[in-house]
Amino acid sequence: MNERFKELSKQAVDYASACEAEAWDGAYERKFAELIVRECMTQIQQVREIKSGYAGPEYTQGFDDGMFVAISTIEDHFGVEIG
């Protein structure tokens, strides 16, 4: 398993462990899924920031718009924000 998955899993375990007993059911799964989605959006955001300015203004604007749409679509679909 990817080391990052292990780190996210530990964060989800820590989160679920801190929940009240009645709220624990499914807390790990929900938190782990949320962390994975957030991680994906963060990766897109980082590429967006790195790549901006590498080409002409039309390409850069289109690239930036595409990345923004990708992040927004994931946020809306999963109800998760980058942070």
C-alpha atoms as a PDB file:
ATOM      1  CA  MET A   1       0.000   0.000   0.000  1.00  0.00           C
ATOM      2  CA  ASN A   2       1.196   3.492  -0.818  1.00  0.00           C
ATOM      3  CA  GLU A   3       2.723   5.235   2.212  1.00  0.00           C
ATOM      4  CA  ARG A   4       0.340   8.164   1.784  1.00  0.00           C
ATOM      5  CA  PHE A   5      -2.642   5.791   2.054  1.00  0.00           C
ATOM      6  CA  LYS A   6      -1.183   4.473   5.301  1.00  0.00           C
ATOM      7  CA  GLU A   7      -0.847   8.018   6.649  1.00  0.00           C
ATOM      8  CA  LEU A   8      -4.420   8.883   5.651  1.00  0.00           C
ATOM      9  CA  SER A   9      -5.682   5.638   7.173  1.00  0.00           C
ATOM     10  CA  LYS A  10      -3.967   6.473  10.470  1.00  0.00           C
ATOM     11  CA  GLN A  11      -5.547   9.945  10.427  1.00  0.00           C
ATOM     12  CA  ALA A  12      -8.946   8.327   9.867  1.00  0.00           C
ATOM     13  CA  VAL A  13      -8.360   5.860  12.728  1.00  0.00           C
ATOM     14  CA  ASP A  14      -7.351   8.717  15.030  1.00  0.00           C
ATOM     15  CA  TYR A  15     -10.457  10.669  14.013  1.00  0.00           C
ATOM     16  CA  ALA A  16     -12.782   7.691  14.514  1.00  0.00           C
ATOM     17  CA  SER A  17     -11.166   6.839  17.848  1.00  0.00           C
ATOM     18  CA  ALA A  18     -11.939  10.340  19.110  1.00  0.00           C
ATOM     19  CA  CYS A  19     -15.638   9.997  18.188  1.00  0.00           C
ATOM     20  CA  GLU A  20     -18.273   9.148  20.741  1.00  0.00           C
ATOM     21  CA  ALA A  21     -19.255   5.470  20.702  1.00  0.00           C
ATOM     22  CA  GLU A  22     -22.602   6.103  18.971  1.00  0.00           C
ATOM     23  CA  ALA A  23     -20.922   8.256  16.295  1.00  0.00           C
ATOM     24  CA  TRP A  24     -18.088   5.791  15.641  1.00  0.00           C
ATOM     25  CA  ASP A  25     -20.084   3.547  13.297  1.00  0.00           C
ATOM     26  CA  GLY A  26     -18.812   4.384   9.840  1.00  0.00           C
ATOM     27  CA  ALA A  27     -16.677   7.294  11.094  1.00  0.00           C
ATOM     28  CA  TYR A  28     -13.442   5.697   9.903  1.00  0.00           C
ATOM     29  CA  GLU A  29     -14.786   4.958   6.417  1.00  0.00           C
ATOM     30  CA  ARG A  30     -16.283   8.436   6.001  1.00  0.00           C
ATOM     31  CA  LYS A  31     -13.133  10.187   7.198  1.00  0.00           C
ATOM     32  CA  PHE A  32     -10.815   7.992   5.122  1.00  0.00           C
ATOM     33  CA  ALA A  33     -12.878   8.652   1.984  1.00  0.00           C
ATOM     34  CA  GLU A  34     -12.936  12.388   2.738  1.00  0.00           C
ATOM     35  CA  LEU A  35      -9.154  12.449   3.210  1.00  0.00           C
ATOM     36  CA  ILE A  36      -8.554  10.618  -0.081  1.00  0.00           C
ATOM     37  CA  VAL A  37     -10.833  12.992  -1.998  1.00  0.00           C
ATOM     38  CA  ARG A  38      -9.185  16.015  -0.362  1.00  0.00           C
ATOM     39  CA  GLU A  39      -5.754  14.604  -1.230  1.00  0.00           C
ATOM     40  CA  CYS A  40      -6.764  14.228  -4.890  1.00  0.00           C
ATOM     41  CA  MET A  41      -8.028  17.812  -5.025  1.00  0.00           C
ATOM     42  CA  THR A  42      -4.838  19.047  -3.365  1.00  0.00           C
ATOM     43  CA  GLN A  43      -2.745  17.264  -5.996  1.00  0.00           C
ATOM     44  CA  ILE A  44      -4.718  18.951  -8.789  1.00  0.00           C
ATOM     45  CA  GLN A  45      -4.304  22.317  -7.063  1.00  0.00           C
ATOM     46  CA  GLN A  46      -0.539  21.814  -6.766  1.00  0.00           C
ATOM     47  CA  VAL A  47      -0.202  20.948 -10.466  1.00  0.00           C
ATOM     48  CA  ARG A  48      -2.349  23.962 -11.282  1.00  0.00           C
ATOM     49  CA  GLU A  49      -0.002  26.244  -9.345  1.00  0.00           C
ATOM     50  CA  ILE A  50       3.193  24.678 -10.735  1.00  0.00           C
ATOM     51  CA  LYS A  51       2.107  24.632 -14.380  1.00  0.00           C
ATOM     52  CA  SER A  52       0.631  28.094 -14.552  1.00  0.00           C
ATOM     53  CA  GLY A  53       2.913  30.393 -16.490  1.00  0.00           C
ATOM     54  CA  TYR A  54       4.701  27.657 -18.477  1.00  0.00           C
ATOM     55  CA  ALA A  55       3.104  28.500 -21.820  1.00  0.00           C
ATOM     56  CA  GLY A  56       1.397  31.330 -23.634  1.00  0.00           C
ATOM     57  CA  PRO A  57      -1.417  33.224 -21.924  1.00  0.00           C
ATOM     58  CA  GLU A  58      -4.226  31.505 -23.867  1.00  0.00           C
ATOM     59  CA  TYR A  59      -2.942  28.046 -23.009  1.00  0.00           C
ATOM     60  CA  THR A  60      -2.248  29.005 -19.414  1.00  0.00           C
ATOM     61  CA  GLN A  61      -5.750  30.446 -18.972  1.00  0.00           C
ATOM     62  CA  GLY A  62      -7.354  27.357 -20.508  1.00  0.00           C
ATOM     63  CA  PHE A  63      -5.235  25.047 -18.373  1.00  0.00           C
ATOM     64  CA  ASP A  64      -6.050  27.005 -15.226  1.00  0.00           C
ATOM     65  CA  ASP A  65      -9.760  27.037 -16.059  1.00  0.00           C
ATOM     66  CA  GLY A  66      -9.708  23.274 -16.647  1.00  0.00           C
ATOM     67  CA  MET A  67      -8.009  22.604 -13.334  1.00  0.00           C
ATOM     68  CA  PHE A  68     -10.442  24.897 -11.533  1.00  0.00           C
ATOM     69  CA  VAL A  69     -13.388  23.059 -13.102  1.00  0.00           C
ATOM     70  CA  ALA A  70     -11.885  19.697 -12.097  1.00  0.00           C
ATOM     71  CA  ILE A  71     -11.470  20.779  -8.471  1.00  0.00           C
ATOM     72  CA  SER A  72     -14.920  22.386  -8.324  1.00  0.00           C
ATOM     73  CA  THR A  73     -16.567  19.315  -9.836  1.00  0.00           C
ATOM     74  CA  ILE A  74     -14.958  17.028  -7.258  1.00  0.00           C
ATOM     75  CA  GLU A  75     -15.881  19.411  -4.417  1.00  0.00           C
ATOM     76  CA  ASP A  76     -19.499  19.541  -5.553  1.00  0.00           C
ATOM     77  CA  HIS A  77     -19.765  15.815  -6.194  1.00  0.00           C
ATOM     78  CA  PHE A  78     -18.306  14.684  -2.873  1.00  0.00           C
ATOM     79  CA  GLY A  79     -19.125  17.718  -0.729  1.00  0.00           C
ATOM     80  CA  VAL A  80     -15.487  18.008   0.338  1.00  0.00           C
ATOM     81  CA  GLU A  81     -13.341  21.137   0.263  1.00  0.00           C
ATOM     82  CA  ILE A  82      -9.559  21.300   0.034  1.00  0.00           C
ATOM     83  CA  GLY A  83      -9.344  22.873   3.408  1.00  0.00           C
END
